[in-house]
Amino acid sequence: MVAFCERVAAYSAGHDQESLVADRMRYDAVLRNLELIGEAATHVPVTRRELAPDIA
């Protein structure tokens, strides 16, 4: 998940929303990595989730 976050940060660095959306390939890469973060989050073991109950 950390690697995906780092990719999102790298791909979006120096871009505001307008320029990011205008660069379709960059935008798609950011969205894909956000999807991968969400998918990976569903695989976090319950024992780990219980350590941070304030995070949905």
PDB file of N, CA and C in Angstrom:
ATOM      1  N   MET A   1       0.826  -1.183   0.000  1.00  0.00           N
ATOM      2  CA  MET A   1       0.000   0.000   0.000  1.00  0.00           C
ATOM      3  C   MET A   1       0.875   1.253   0.000  1.00  0.00           C
ATOM      4  N   VAL A   2       1.979   1.171   0.717  1.00  0.00           N
ATOM      5  CA  VAL A   2       2.888   2.315   0.767  1.00  0.00           C
ATOM      6  C   VAL A   2       3.450   2.609  -0.623  1.00  0.00           C
ATOM      7  N   ALA A   3       3.816   1.576  -1.341  1.00  0.00           N
ATOM      8  CA  ALA A   3       4.353   1.770  -2.694  1.00  0.00           C
ATOM      9  C   ALA A   3       3.321   2.425  -3.605  1.00  0.00           C
ATOM     10  N   PHE A   4       2.066   2.011  -3.486  1.00  0.00           N
ATOM     11  CA  PHE A   4       1.014   2.620  -4.302  1.00  0.00           C
ATOM     12  C   PHE A   4       0.836   4.091  -3.936  1.00  0.00           C
ATOM     13  N   CYS A   5       0.899   4.399  -2.643  1.00  0.00           N
ATOM     14  CA  CYS A   5       0.798   5.791  -2.195  1.00  0.00           C
ATOM     15  C   CYS A   5       1.951   6.622  -2.753  1.00  0.00           C
ATOM     16  N   GLU A   6       3.137   6.047  -2.733  1.00  0.00           N
ATOM     17  CA  GLU A   6       4.302   6.758  -3.267  1.00  0.00           C
ATOM     18  C   GLU A   6       4.148   7.020  -4.754  1.00  0.00           C
ATOM     19  N   ARG A   7       3.578   6.071  -5.474  1.00  0.00           N
ATOM     20  CA  ARG A   7       3.350   6.270  -6.909  1.00  0.00           C
ATOM     21  C   ARG A   7       2.344   7.382  -7.148  1.00  0.00           C
ATOM     22  N   VAL A   8       1.265   7.382  -6.386  1.00  0.00           N
ATOM     23  CA  VAL A   8       0.261   8.442  -6.529  1.00  0.00           C
ATOM     24  C   VAL A   8       0.913   9.806  -6.285  1.00  0.00           C
ATOM     25  N   ALA A   9       1.714   9.901  -5.232  1.00  0.00           N
ATOM     26  CA  ALA A   9       2.391  11.165  -4.920  1.00  0.00           C
ATOM     27  C   ALA A   9       3.334  11.566  -6.048  1.00  0.00           C
ATOM     28  N   ALA A  10       4.078  10.615  -6.569  1.00  0.00           N
ATOM     29  CA  ALA A  10       5.032  10.922  -7.643  1.00  0.00           C
ATOM     30  C   ALA A  10       4.310  11.321  -8.932  1.00  0.00           C
ATOM     31  N   TYR A  11       3.265  10.581  -9.284  1.00  0.00           N
ATOM     32  CA  TYR A  11       2.551  10.858 -10.532  1.00  0.00           C
ATOM     33  C   TYR A  11       1.795  12.180 -10.493  1.00  0.00           C
ATOM     34  N   SER A  12       1.361  12.585  -9.316  1.00  0.00           N
ATOM     35  CA  SER A  12       0.556  13.803  -9.221  1.00  0.00           C
ATOM     36  C   SER A  12       1.364  15.028  -8.792  1.00  0.00           C
ATOM     37  N   ALA A  13       2.628  14.848  -8.468  1.00  0.00           N
ATOM     38  CA  ALA A  13       3.466  15.970  -8.022  1.00  0.00           C
ATOM     39  C   ALA A  13       3.521  17.064  -9.083  1.00  0.00           C
ATOM     40  N   GLY A  14       3.315  18.280  -8.647  1.00  0.00           N
ATOM     41  CA  GLY A  14       3.396  19.426  -9.548  1.00  0.00           C
ATOM     42  C   GLY A  14       2.160  19.652 -10.389  1.00  0.00           C
ATOM     43  N   HIS A  15       1.118  18.903 -10.140  1.00  0.00           N
ATOM     44  CA  HIS A  15      -0.112  19.038 -10.915  1.00  0.00           C
ATOM     45  C   HIS A  15      -1.260  19.445 -10.003  1.00  0.00           C
ATOM     46  N   ASP A  16      -2.081  20.355 -10.503  1.00  0.00           N
ATOM     47  CA  ASP A  16      -3.340  20.621  -9.812  1.00  0.00           C
ATOM     48  C   ASP A  16      -4.387  19.722 -10.466  1.00  0.00           C
ATOM     49  N   GLN A  17      -5.614  19.783  -9.975  1.00  0.00           N
ATOM     50  CA  GLN A  17      -6.642  18.881 -10.493  1.00  0.00           C
ATOM     51  C   GLN A  17      -6.845  19.066 -11.991  1.00  0.00           C
ATOM     52  N   GLU A  18      -6.861  20.299 -12.435  1.00  0.00           N
ATOM     53  CA  GLU A  18      -7.120  20.571 -13.846  1.00  0.00           C
ATOM     54  C   GLU A  18      -6.036  19.974 -14.752  1.00  0.00           C
ATOM     55  N   SER A  19      -4.780  20.181 -14.397  1.00  0.00           N
ATOM     56  CA  SER A  19      -3.706  19.654 -15.248  1.00  0.00           C
ATOM     57  C   SER A  19      -3.600  18.138 -15.147  1.00  0.00           C
ATOM     58  N   LEU A  20      -3.941  17.591 -13.996  1.00  0.00           N
ATOM     59  CA  LEU A  20      -3.909  16.137 -13.837  1.00  0.00           C
ATOM     60  C   LEU A  20      -4.981  15.489 -14.703  1.00  0.00           C
ATOM     61  N   VAL A  21      -6.170  16.037 -14.684  1.00  0.00           N
ATOM     62  CA  VAL A  21      -7.272  15.483 -15.480  1.00  0.00           C
ATOM     63  C   VAL A  21      -6.988  15.652 -16.976  1.00  0.00           C
ATOM     64  N   ALA A  22      -6.311  16.725 -17.343  1.00  0.00           N
ATOM     65  CA  ALA A  22      -5.989  16.963 -18.749  1.00  0.00           C
ATOM     66  C   ALA A  22      -4.988  15.953 -19.292  1.00  0.00           C
ATOM     67  N   ASP A  23      -4.142  15.430 -18.425  1.00  0.00           N
ATOM     68  CA  ASP A  23      -3.154  14.425 -18.817  1.00  0.00           C
ATOM     69  C   ASP A  23      -3.766  13.053 -18.555  1.00  0.00           C
ATOM     70  N   ARG A  24      -4.474  12.551 -19.527  1.00  0.00           N
ATOM     71  CA  ARG A  24      -5.300  11.351 -19.357  1.00  0.00           C
ATOM     72  C   ARG A  24      -4.506  10.143 -18.859  1.00  0.00           C
ATOM     73  N   MET A  25      -3.317   9.934 -19.400  1.00  0.00           N
ATOM     74  CA  MET A  25      -2.543   8.764 -18.984  1.00  0.00           C
ATOM     75  C   MET A  25      -2.098   8.895 -17.527  1.00  0.00           C
ATOM     76  N   ARG A  26      -1.660  10.077 -17.142  1.00  0.00           N
ATOM     77  CA  ARG A  26      -1.253  10.315 -15.751  1.00  0.00           C
ATOM     78  C   ARG A  26      -2.448  10.143 -14.816  1.00  0.00           C
ATOM     79  N   TYR A  27      -3.585  10.707 -15.223  1.00  0.00           N
ATOM     80  CA  TYR A  27      -4.807  10.604 -14.429  1.00  0.00           C
ATOM     81  C   TYR A  27      -5.201   9.139 -14.237  1.00  0.00           C
ATOM     82  N   ASP A  28      -5.161   8.365 -15.327  1.00  0.00           N
ATOM     83  CA  ASP A  28      -5.500   6.951 -15.235  1.00  0.00           C
ATOM     84  C   ASP A  28      -4.531   6.201 -14.323  1.00  0.00           C
ATOM     85  N   ALA A  29      -3.250   6.556 -14.376  1.00  0.00           N
ATOM     86  CA  ALA A  29      -2.260   5.906 -13.517  1.00  0.00           C
ATOM     87  C   ALA A  29      -2.535   6.209 -12.047  1.00  0.00           C
ATOM     88  N   VAL A  30      -2.889   7.449 -11.754  1.00  0.00           N
ATOM     89  CA  VAL A  30      -3.213   7.818 -10.370  1.00  0.00           C
ATOM     90  C   VAL A  30      -4.449   7.071  -9.902  1.00  0.00           C
ATOM     91  N   LEU A  31      -5.483   7.059 -10.727  1.00  0.00           N
ATOM     92  CA  LEU A  31      -6.712   6.350 -10.348  1.00  0.00           C
ATOM     93  C   LEU A  31      -6.457   4.865 -10.131  1.00  0.00           C
ATOM     94  N   ARG A  32      -5.676   4.261 -10.995  1.00  0.00           N
ATOM     95  CA  ARG A  32      -5.401   2.827 -10.857  1.00  0.00           C
ATOM     96  C   ARG A  32      -4.696   2.529  -9.544  1.00  0.00           C
ATOM     97  N   ASN A  33      -3.736   3.363  -9.178  1.00  0.00           N
ATOM     98  CA  ASN A  33      -3.023   3.142  -7.925  1.00  0.00           C
ATOM     99  C   ASN A  33      -3.924   3.382  -6.723  1.00  0.00           C
ATOM    100  N   LEU A  34      -4.845   4.322  -6.819  1.00  0.00           N
ATOM    101  CA  LEU A  34      -5.816   4.514  -5.743  1.00  0.00           C
ATOM    102  C   LEU A  34      -6.715   3.280  -5.612  1.00  0.00           C
ATOM    103  N   GLU A  35      -7.093   2.695  -6.746  1.00  0.00           N
ATOM    104  CA  GLU A  35      -7.880   1.458  -6.714  1.00  0.00           C
ATOM    105  C   GLU A  35      -7.100   0.337  -6.031  1.00  0.00           C
ATOM    106  N   LEU A  36      -5.817   0.244  -6.350  1.00  0.00           N
ATOM    107  CA  LEU A  36      -4.987  -0.803  -5.755  1.00  0.00           C
ATOM    108  C   LEU A  36      -4.837  -0.608  -4.249  1.00  0.00           C
ATOM    109  N   ILE A  37      -4.784   0.636  -3.800  1.00  0.00           N
ATOM    110  CA  ILE A  37      -4.740   0.911  -2.359  1.00  0.00           C
ATOM    111  C   ILE A  37      -6.017   0.400  -1.710  1.00  0.00           C
ATOM    112  N   GLY A  38      -7.152   0.718  -2.314  1.00  0.00           N
ATOM    113  CA  GLY A  38      -8.433   0.264  -1.772  1.00  0.00           C
ATOM    114  C   GLY A  38      -8.548  -1.244  -1.743  1.00  0.00           C
ATOM    115  N   GLU A  39      -8.093  -1.887  -2.813  1.00  0.00           N
ATOM    116  CA  GLU A  39      -8.140  -3.344  -2.856  1.00  0.00           C
ATOM    117  C   GLU A  39      -7.231  -3.954  -1.792  1.00  0.00           C
ATOM    118  N   ALA A  40      -6.040  -3.414  -1.649  1.00  0.00           N
ATOM    119  CA  ALA A  40      -5.106  -3.925  -0.644  1.00  0.00           C
ATOM    120  C   ALA A  40      -5.657  -3.722   0.760  1.00  0.00           C
ATOM    121  N   ALA A  41      -6.365  -2.625   0.966  1.00  0.00           N
ATOM    122  CA  ALA A  41      -6.920  -2.329   2.294  1.00  0.00           C
ATOM    123  C   ALA A  41      -7.935  -3.385   2.721  1.00  0.00           C
ATOM    124  N   THR A  42      -8.616  -3.993   1.762  1.00  0.00           N
ATOM    125  CA  THR A  42      -9.594  -5.024   2.116  1.00  0.00           C
ATOM    126  C   THR A  42      -8.925  -6.310   2.603  1.00  0.00           C
ATOM    127  N   HIS A  43      -7.629  -6.432   2.368  1.00  0.00           N
ATOM    128  CA  HIS A  43      -6.889  -7.627   2.772  1.00  0.00           C
ATOM    129  C   HIS A  43      -6.104  -7.443   4.067  1.00  0.00           C
ATOM    130  N   VAL A  44      -6.268  -6.291   4.705  1.00  0.00           N
ATOM    131  CA  VAL A  44      -5.590  -6.068   5.985  1.00  0.00           C
ATOM    132  C   VAL A  44      -6.257  -6.968   7.022  1.00  0.00           C
ATOM    133  N   PRO A  45      -5.476  -7.774   7.728  1.00  0.00           N
ATOM    134  CA  PRO A  45      -6.058  -8.695   8.710  1.00  0.00           C
ATOM    135  C   PRO A  45      -6.828  -7.959   9.812  1.00  0.00           C
ATOM    136  N   VAL A  46      -7.842  -8.617  10.311  1.00  0.00           N
ATOM    137  CA  VAL A  46      -8.685  -8.048  11.369  1.00  0.00           C
ATOM    138  C   VAL A  46      -7.839  -7.642  12.575  1.00  0.00           C
ATOM    139  N   THR A  47      -6.835  -8.430  12.906  1.00  0.00           N
ATOM    140  CA  THR A  47      -5.997  -8.101  14.062  1.00  0.00           C
ATOM    141  C   THR A  47      -5.289  -6.768  13.873  1.00  0.00           C
ATOM    142  N   ARG A  48      -4.928  -6.447  12.647  1.00  0.00           N
ATOM    143  CA  ARG A  48      -4.301  -5.137  12.356  1.00  0.00           C
ATOM    144  C   ARG A  48      -5.344  -4.027  12.381  1.00  0.00           C
ATOM    145  N   ARG A  49      -6.520  -4.306  11.852  1.00  0.00           N
ATOM    146  CA  ARG A  49      -7.587  -3.296  11.842  1.00  0.00           C
ATOM    147  C   ARG A  49      -7.986  -2.897  13.253  1.00  0.00           C
ATOM    148  N   GLU A  50      -7.960  -3.859  14.146  1.00  0.00           N
ATOM    149  CA  GLU A  50      -8.331  -3.577  15.533  1.00  0.00           C
ATOM    150  C   GLU A  50      -7.341  -2.633  16.205  1.00  0.00           C
ATOM    151  N   LEU A  51      -6.135  -2.528  15.698  1.00  0.00           N
ATOM    152  CA  LEU A  51      -5.128  -1.621  16.261  1.00  0.00           C
ATOM    153  C   LEU A  51      -5.437  -0.161  15.950  1.00  0.00           C
ATOM    154  N   ALA A  52      -6.279   0.062  14.941  1.00  0.00           N
ATOM    155  CA  ALA A  52      -6.640   1.433  14.559  1.00  0.00           C
ATOM    156  C   ALA A  52      -8.149   1.509  14.322  1.00  0.00           C
ATOM    157  N   PRO A  53      -8.944   1.405  15.379  1.00  0.00           N
ATOM    158  CA  PRO A  53     -10.397   1.363  15.201  1.00  0.00           C
ATOM    159  C   PRO A  53     -11.005   2.662  14.661  1.00  0.00           C
ATOM    160  N   ASP A  54     -10.271   3.768  14.728  1.00  0.00           N
ATOM    161  CA  ASP A  54     -10.784   5.046  14.224  1.00  0.00           C
ATOM    162  C   ASP A  54     -10.659   5.173  12.696  1.00  0.00           C
ATOM    163  N   ILE A  55      -9.975   4.217  12.060  1.00  0.00           N
ATOM    164  CA  ILE A  55      -9.846   4.234  10.604  1.00  0.00           C
ATOM    165  C   ILE A  55     -10.885   3.285  10.030  1.00  0.00           C
ATOM    166  N   ALA A  56     -11.691   3.826   9.162  1.00  0.00           N
ATOM    167  CA  ALA A  56     -12.767   3.003   8.546  1.00  0.00           C
ATOM    168  C   ALA A  56     -12.205   1.902   7.674  1.00  0.00           C
TER     169      ALA A  56
END
